[in-house]
C-alpha atoms as a PDB file:
ATOM      1  CA  MET A   1      63.198-121.213 -37.703  1.00  0.00           C
ATOM      2  CA  LYS A   2      65.975-119.420 -35.863  1.00  0.00           C
ATOM      3  CA  ARG A   3      66.459-117.045 -38.793  1.00  0.00           C
ATOM      4  CA  ILE A   4      62.708-116.313 -38.901  1.00  0.00           C
ATOM      5  CA  ALA A   5      62.721-115.571 -35.173  1.00  0.00           C
ATOM      6  CA  VAL A   6      65.590-113.140 -35.635  1.00  0.00           C
ATOM      7  CA  ILE A   7      63.801-111.368 -38.489  1.00  0.00           C
ATOM      8  CA  VAL A   8      60.597-111.109 -36.461  1.00  0.00           C
ATOM      9  CA  GLY A   9      62.580-109.711 -33.553  1.00  0.00           C
ATOM     10  CA  VAL A  10      64.165-107.074 -35.766  1.00  0.00           C
ATOM     11  CA  ILE A  11      60.775-106.069 -37.182  1.00  0.00           C
ATOM     12  CA  ILE A  12      59.309-105.752 -33.674  1.00  0.00           C
ATOM     13  CA  ALA A  13      62.284-103.652 -32.592  1.00  0.00           C
ATOM     14  CA  ILE A  14      61.848-101.343 -35.590  1.00  0.00           C
ATOM     15  CA  ILE A  15      58.141-100.923 -34.900  1.00  0.00           C
ATOM     16  CA  PHE A  16      58.861-100.208 -31.252  1.00  0.00           C
ATOM     17  CA  SER A  17      61.525 -97.686 -32.195  1.00  0.00           C
ATOM     18  CA  LEU A  18      59.135 -95.878 -34.535  1.00  0.00           C
ATOM     19  CA  ASN A  19      56.427 -95.805 -31.869  1.00  0.00           C
ATOM     20  CA  ALA A  20      58.862 -94.513 -29.275  1.00  0.00           C
ATOM     21  CA  PHE A  21      59.619 -91.497 -31.432  1.00  0.00           C
ATOM     22  CA  ALA A  22      56.090 -91.088 -32.806  1.00  0.00           C
ATOM     23  CA  GLN A  23      54.417 -87.744 -32.450  1.00  0.00           C
ATOM     24  CA  ASP A  24      53.128 -86.837 -29.011  1.00  0.00           C
ATOM     25  CA  ARG A  25      49.346 -87.258 -29.125  1.00  0.00           C
ATOM     26  CA  MET A  26      48.718 -84.712 -26.366  1.00  0.00           C
ATOM     27  CA  PRO A  27      51.513 -82.124 -26.314  1.00  0.00           C
ATOM     28  CA  ALA A  28      51.727 -79.320 -23.789  1.00  0.00           C
ATOM     29  CA  ILE A  29      48.923 -76.761 -23.787  1.00  0.00           C
ATOM     30  CA  PRO A  30      50.193 -73.160 -23.530  1.00  0.00           C
ATOM     31  CA  PHE A  31      49.103 -71.654 -20.222  1.00  0.00           C
ATOM     32  CA  ASP A  32      47.118 -68.897 -21.934  1.00  0.00           C
ATOM     33  CA  LYS A  33      45.155 -71.545 -23.862  1.00  0.00           C
ATOM     34  CA  MET A  34      44.081 -73.438 -20.732  1.00  0.00           C
ATOM     35  CA  ASN A  35      40.609 -73.051 -19.276  1.00  0.00           C
ATOM     36  CA  ASP A  36      40.161 -71.721 -15.737  1.00  0.00           C
ATOM     37  CA  LEU A  37      40.099 -75.151 -14.089  1.00  0.00           C
ATOM     38  CA  GLN A  38      43.192 -76.269 -15.965  1.00  0.00           C
ATOM     39  CA  LYS A  39      45.016 -73.094 -14.917  1.00  0.00           C
ATOM     40  CA  LYS A  40      43.990 -73.571 -11.287  1.00  0.00           C
ATOM     41  CA  TYR A  41      45.310 -77.105 -10.982  1.00  0.00           C
ATOM     42  CA  ALA A  42      48.376 -76.399 -13.116  1.00  0.00           C
ATOM     43  CA  GLU A  43      49.333 -73.578 -10.749  1.00  0.00           C
ATOM     44  CA  GLU A  44      48.933 -75.886  -7.742  1.00  0.00           C
ATOM     45  CA  ILE A  45      51.404 -78.361  -9.225  1.00  0.00           C
ATOM     46  CA  ILE A  46      53.836 -75.605 -10.180  1.00  0.00           C
ATOM     47  CA  LYS A  47      53.717 -74.173  -6.638  1.00  0.00           C
ATOM     48  CA  GLY A  48      54.178 -77.647  -5.089  1.00  0.00           C
ATOM     49  CA  PRO A  49      57.360 -79.707  -4.649  1.00  0.00           C
ATOM     50  CA  ARG A  50      57.519 -80.633  -8.339  1.00  0.00           C
ATOM     51  CA  GLY A  51      57.908 -76.987  -9.355  1.00  0.00           C
ATOM     52  CA  ALA A  52      56.702 -77.425 -12.931  1.00  0.00           C
ATOM     53  CA  LEU A  53      54.037 -78.996 -15.106  1.00  0.00           C
ATOM     54  CA  TYR A  54      55.772 -81.861 -16.895  1.00  0.00           C
ATOM     55  CA  GLY A  55      55.626 -85.568 -17.690  1.00  0.00           C
ATOM     56  CA  PRO A  56      52.228 -87.154 -17.003  1.00  0.00           C
ATOM     57  CA  PHE A  57      50.607 -83.837 -16.158  1.00  0.00           C
ATOM     58  CA  ILE A  58      50.942 -82.682 -19.759  1.00  0.00           C
ATOM     59  CA  PRO A  59      48.320 -85.163 -21.017  1.00  0.00           C
ATOM     60  CA  LEU A  60      46.436 -85.331 -17.693  1.00  0.00           C
ATOM     61  CA  ILE A  61      45.662 -81.594 -17.796  1.00  0.00           C
ATOM     62  CA  ARG A  62      42.964 -82.503 -20.348  1.00  0.00           C
ATOM     63  CA  SER A  63      41.042 -83.910 -17.367  1.00  0.00           C
ATOM     64  CA  PRO A  64      42.014 -81.389 -14.688  1.00  0.00           C
ATOM     65  CA  GLU A  65      40.075 -82.931 -11.828  1.00  0.00           C
ATOM     66  CA  LEU A  66      41.553 -86.363 -12.507  1.00  0.00           C
ATOM     67  CA  MET A  67      44.974 -84.747 -12.663  1.00  0.00           C
ATOM     68  CA  ASP A  68      44.410 -82.962  -9.368  1.00  0.00           C
ATOM     69  CA  ARG A  69      43.212 -86.033  -7.509  1.00  0.00           C
ATOM     70  CA  SER A  70      45.884 -88.341  -8.891  1.00  0.00           C
ATOM     71  CA  GLN A  71      48.763 -85.897  -8.441  1.00  0.00           C
ATOM     72  CA  ARG A  72      47.952 -85.554  -4.745  1.00  0.00           C
ATOM     73  CA  ILE A  73      48.338 -89.305  -4.383  1.00  0.00           C
ATOM     74  CA  GLY A  74      51.561 -89.133  -6.364  1.00  0.00           C
ATOM     75  CA  GLU A  75      52.912 -86.267  -4.278  1.00  0.00           C
ATOM     76  CA  TYR A  76      52.449 -88.258  -1.075  1.00  0.00           C
ATOM     77  CA  LEU A  77      53.887 -91.454  -2.507  1.00  0.00           C
ATOM     78  CA  ARG A  78      56.907 -89.792  -4.096  1.00  0.00           C
ATOM     79  CA  TYR A  79      57.887 -87.471  -1.263  1.00  0.00           C
ATOM     80  CA  LYS A  80      56.407 -88.899   1.945  1.00  0.00           C
ATOM     81  CA  SER A  81      55.955 -92.653   1.606  1.00  0.00           C
ATOM     82  CA  ALA A  82      56.606 -94.892   4.588  1.00  0.00           C
ATOM     83  CA  ILE A  83      59.499 -96.677   2.845  1.00  0.00           C
ATOM     84  CA  GLY A  84      61.538 -93.497   2.334  1.00  0.00           C
ATOM     85  CA  SER A  85      62.629 -91.636  -0.786  1.00  0.00           C
ATOM     86  CA  LYS A  86      65.507 -93.924  -1.839  1.00  0.00           C
ATOM     87  CA  LEU A  87      63.386 -97.074  -1.843  1.00  0.00           C
ATOM     88  CA  THR A  88      60.437 -95.218  -3.360  1.00  0.00           C
ATOM     89  CA  GLU A  89      62.617 -94.275  -6.326  1.00  0.00           C
ATOM     90  CA  PHE A  90      63.799 -97.887  -6.558  1.00  0.00           C
ATOM     91  CA  VAL A  91      60.183 -99.094  -6.790  1.00  0.00           C
ATOM     92  CA  ILE A  92      59.406 -96.395  -9.365  1.00  0.00           C
ATOM     93  CA  MET A  93      62.197 -97.719 -11.598  1.00  0.00           C
ATOM     94  CA  ILE A  94      60.876-101.264 -11.415  1.00  0.00           C
ATOM     95  CA  THR A  95      57.416-100.060 -12.427  1.00  0.00           C
ATOM     96  CA  ALA A  96      58.779 -97.879 -15.222  1.00  0.00           C
ATOM     97  CA  ARG A  97      60.698-100.868 -16.618  1.00  0.00           C
ATOM     98  CA  GLN A  98      57.641-103.109 -16.534  1.00  0.00           C
ATOM     99  CA  TRP A  99      55.764-100.598 -18.694  1.00  0.00           C
ATOM    100  CA  THR A 100      58.789 -99.534 -20.756  1.00  0.00           C
ATOM    101  CA  GLN A 101      57.810 -96.010 -19.726  1.00  0.00           C
ATOM    102  CA  GLN A 102      60.460 -93.756 -21.190  1.00  0.00           C
ATOM    103  CA  VAL A 103      59.485 -90.484 -19.490  1.00  0.00           C
ATOM    104  CA  ILE A 104      59.336 -91.942 -15.978  1.00  0.00           C
ATOM    105  CA  TRP A 105      62.703 -93.623 -16.513  1.00  0.00           C
ATOM    106  CA  ALA A 106      64.329 -90.484 -17.962  1.00  0.00           C
ATOM    107  CA  ILE A 107      63.108 -88.334 -15.072  1.00  0.00           C
ATOM    108  CA  HIS A 108      63.803 -90.741 -12.230  1.00  0.00           C
ATOM    109  CA  GLU A 109      67.051 -92.447 -13.261  1.00  0.00           C
ATOM    110  CA  PRO A 110      69.272 -89.536 -12.132  1.00  0.00           C
ATOM    111  CA  ILE A 111      67.180 -89.193  -8.954  1.00  0.00           C
ATOM    112  CA  VAL A 112      67.504 -92.857  -7.948  1.00  0.00           C
ATOM    113  CA  LEU A 113      71.246 -92.828  -8.623  1.00  0.00           C
ATOM    114  CA  LYS A 114      71.671 -89.663  -6.556  1.00  0.00           C
ATOM    115  CA  ALA A 115      69.642 -91.298  -3.780  1.00  0.00           C
ATOM    116  CA  GLY A 116      72.288 -94.007  -3.537  1.00  0.00           C
ATOM    117  CA  VAL A 117      71.029 -97.031  -5.481  1.00  0.00           C
ATOM    118  CA  LYS A 118      74.005 -98.618  -7.246  1.00  0.00           C
ATOM    119  CA  PRO A 119      74.320 -97.875 -10.988  1.00  0.00           C
ATOM    120  CA  GLU A 120      74.782-101.584 -11.734  1.00  0.00           C
ATOM    121  CA  VAL A 121      71.485-102.348  -9.977  1.00  0.00           C
ATOM    122  CA  ILE A 122      69.625 -99.799 -12.103  1.00  0.00           C
ATOM    123  CA  LYS A 123      71.388-101.050 -15.250  1.00  0.00           C
ATOM    124  CA  ALA A 124      70.231-104.605 -14.508  1.00  0.00           C
ATOM    125  CA  ILE A 125      66.631-103.432 -14.073  1.00  0.00           C
ATOM    126  CA  ALA A 126      66.875-101.564 -17.375  1.00  0.00           C
ATOM    127  CA  ASP A 127      68.177-104.731 -19.038  1.00  0.00           C
ATOM    128  CA  GLY A 128      65.368-106.836 -17.580  1.00  0.00           C
ATOM    129  CA  ARG A 129      67.751-108.806 -15.344  1.00  0.00           C
ATOM    130  CA  ARG A 130      67.569-109.529 -11.635  1.00  0.00           C
ATOM    131  CA  PRO A 131      70.239-107.258 -10.138  1.00  0.00           C
ATOM    132  CA  ASP A 132      73.186-108.582  -8.177  1.00  0.00           C
ATOM    133  CA  GLY A 133      74.435-106.637  -5.185  1.00  0.00           C
ATOM    134  CA  MET A 134      71.107-105.305  -3.954  1.00  0.00           C
ATOM    135  CA  SER A 135      70.728-104.264  -0.331  1.00  0.00           C
ATOM    136  CA  GLU A 136      68.421-106.386   1.810  1.00  0.00           C
ATOM    137  CA  ASP A 137      65.671-103.764   1.552  1.00  0.00           C
ATOM    138  CA  GLU A 138      66.044-103.596  -2.219  1.00  0.00           C
ATOM    139  CA  ASP A 139      65.935-107.383  -2.461  1.00  0.00           C
ATOM    140  CA  ILE A 140      62.704-107.495  -0.444  1.00  0.00           C
ATOM    141  CA  LEU A 141      61.072-104.811  -2.585  1.00  0.00           C
ATOM    142  CA  TYR A 142      62.342-106.242  -5.867  1.00  0.00           C
ATOM    143  CA  ASN A 143      60.723-109.603  -5.122  1.00  0.00           C
ATOM    144  CA  PHE A 144      57.548-107.912  -3.894  1.00  0.00           C
ATOM    145  CA  CYS A 145      57.170-105.686  -6.956  1.00  0.00           C
ATOM    146  CA  MET A 146      58.175-108.254  -9.548  1.00  0.00           C
ATOM    147  CA  GLU A 147      55.702-110.807  -8.201  1.00  0.00           C
ATOM    148  CA  LEU A 148      53.012-108.132  -8.224  1.00  0.00           C
ATOM    149  CA  HIS A 149      53.720-107.156 -11.837  1.00  0.00           C
ATOM    150  CA  THR A 150      54.338-110.609 -13.289  1.00  0.00           C
ATOM    151  CA  ASN A 151      52.033-112.820 -11.225  1.00  0.00           C
ATOM    152  CA  LYS A 152      49.403-110.178 -10.365  1.00  0.00           C
ATOM    153  CA  ALA A 153      49.735-111.499  -6.814  1.00  0.00           C
ATOM    154  CA  ILE A 154      52.297-111.782  -4.019  1.00  0.00           C
ATOM    155  CA  SER A 155      53.304-115.035  -2.340  1.00  0.00           C
ATOM    156  CA  ASP A 156      52.991-115.418   1.423  1.00  0.00           C
ATOM    157  CA  VAL A 157      56.759-115.698   1.840  1.00  0.00           C
ATOM    158  CA  THR A 158      57.419-112.476  -0.077  1.00  0.00           C
ATOM    159  CA  TYR A 159      54.528-110.633   1.562  1.00  0.00           C
ATOM    160  CA  ASP A 160      55.525-111.666   5.091  1.00  0.00           C
ATOM    161  CA  ARG A 161      59.103-110.601   4.487  1.00  0.00           C
ATOM    162  CA  ALA A 162      57.982-107.152   3.337  1.00  0.00           C
ATOM    163  CA  LEU A 163      55.507-106.852   6.196  1.00  0.00           C
ATOM    164  CA  LYS A 164      58.151-107.722   8.791  1.00  0.00           C
ATOM    165  CA  ARG A 165      60.563-105.126   7.396  1.00  0.00           C
ATOM    166  CA  PHE A 166      58.264-102.241   6.447  1.00  0.00           C
ATOM    167  CA  GLY A 167      55.076-102.768   8.445  1.00  0.00           C
ATOM    168  CA  GLU A 168      51.512-102.512   7.166  1.00  0.00           C
ATOM    169  CA  GLN A 169      51.814 -98.877   6.092  1.00  0.00           C
ATOM    170  CA  GLY A 170      55.014 -99.642   4.207  1.00  0.00           C
ATOM    171  CA  VAL A 171      53.341-102.522   2.391  1.00  0.00           C
ATOM    172  CA  ILE A 172      50.333-100.387   1.457  1.00  0.00           C
ATOM    173  CA  ASP A 173      52.521 -97.482   0.333  1.00  0.00           C
ATOM    174  CA  THR A 174      54.618 -99.843  -1.793  1.00  0.00           C
ATOM    175  CA  LEU A 175      51.471-101.183  -3.440  1.00  0.00           C
ATOM    176  CA  GLY A 176      50.388 -97.576  -3.937  1.00  0.00           C
ATOM    177  CA  ILE A 177      53.665 -96.599  -5.625  1.00  0.00           C
ATOM    178  CA  ASN A 178      53.339 -99.511  -8.039  1.00  0.00           C
ATOM    179  CA  GLY A 179      49.713 -98.610  -8.718  1.00  0.00           C
ATOM    180  CA  TYR A 180      50.194 -94.868  -9.154  1.00  0.00           C
ATOM    181  CA  TYR A 181      53.170 -95.199 -11.480  1.00  0.00           C
ATOM    182  CA  THR A 182      51.331 -97.877 -13.442  1.00  0.00           C
ATOM    183  CA  LEU A 183      48.497 -95.370 -13.917  1.00  0.00           C
ATOM    184  CA  ILE A 184      50.744 -92.616 -15.204  1.00  0.00           C
ATOM    185  CA  ALA A 185      52.715 -95.101 -17.310  1.00  0.00           C
ATOM    186  CA  MET A 186      49.479 -96.120 -19.000  1.00  0.00           C
ATOM    187  CA  VAL A 187      48.541 -92.465 -19.536  1.00  0.00           C
ATOM    188  CA  MET A 188      51.902 -91.559 -21.069  1.00  0.00           C
ATOM    189  CA  ASN A 189      52.255 -94.727 -23.143  1.00  0.00           C
ATOM    190  CA  GLY A 190      48.733 -94.221 -24.447  1.00  0.00           C
ATOM    191  CA  THR A 191      49.299 -90.586 -25.360  1.00  0.00           C
ATOM    192  CA  ARG A 192      52.946 -91.036 -26.423  1.00  0.00           C
ATOM    193  CA  THR A 193      54.229 -88.359 -24.080  1.00  0.00           C
ATOM    194  CA  ALA A 194      57.609 -87.170 -25.301  1.00  0.00           C
ATOM    195  CA  VAL A 195      60.820 -87.787 -23.366  1.00  0.00           C
ATOM    196  CA  PRO A 196      62.042 -84.504 -21.788  1.00  0.00           C
ATOM    197  CA  ASP A 197      64.201 -82.301 -24.036  1.00  0.00           C
ATOM    198  CA  ASN A 198      63.481 -84.638 -26.967  1.00  0.00           C
ATOM    199  CA  LYS A 199      66.197 -87.017 -25.796  1.00  0.00           C
ATOM    200  CA  PRO A 200      66.343 -90.580 -27.186  1.00  0.00           C
ATOM    201  CA  ALA A 201      64.119 -93.119 -25.433  1.00  0.00           C
ATOM    202  CA  PRO A 202      66.329 -94.637 -22.693  1.00  0.00           C
ATOM    203  CA  LEU A 203      64.734 -98.091 -22.510  1.00  0.00           C
ATOM    204  CA  LYS A 204      64.915-100.909 -25.043  1.00  0.00           C
ATOM    205  CA  LEU A 205      62.013-103.131 -26.041  1.00  0.00           C
ATOM    206  CA  PHE A 206      60.748-105.185 -23.110  1.00  0.00           C
ATOM    207  CA  PRO A 207      60.388-108.095 -22.686  1.00  0.00           C
ATOM    208  CA  PHE A 208      63.430-109.140 -24.656  1.00  0.00           C
END
C-alpha cells in the first residue's frame, strides 16, 4: 500500500508539473488589438501605482469592466489597507499558498521579503508549515487567515484577538485581502496565467 501511495503521489506531481507549465489560455493582448474599453481601463492601470498591465489583468482585460471594478478594490487593499503594507503582503502570501497561485507568489515574494518578513517565515508558508519565529501581528493574522481558508470560518478566540489588535476596519480589510487575492488566484489558475519572464513555477504541489 505504501508503494502504491508513493506511485500515486509521483503521478499527481507529474500532472501538476505539466499543468503548471501548460500553455497560457489567455495570453496578453497587444495594445493595438484591444477595443476602446479595454484600452481605457488598461491605461488607467498603467498610469496607477502598479505601472503596468501584468498578472491577473492579462486575462481580466477580456472583461474590462470587471477588471476595472476589481482592480480598484485590489489597489486599495494592496497599497492602503488598515493593517499596513508589510502585513498585507504577509496575508497575500498565505492566500497565494492556499491556491498554489504561482504568479501571485512570484510577484509578491520579493516584495514581502523587502517589507521585512523573515525569509524563514515565507519559506515555511511555501512548504505548507506553520512558521516559527513570527511576530505577534503575523501570528494573529496567520491564525485568522488559515482558519478562514481551511475551516471557512473563524473561531471567536481568533477573531477577538484580531479585532483587539487591528480594530473593525483592520478585520474587514484582512477579510478583503483574502477575498480579493482568492478571486485573482481563481482567475489565473483557471486561465493558466504564465509566471512572469517564463520562470519556473515557484510553488510545489499543495497540499502535500
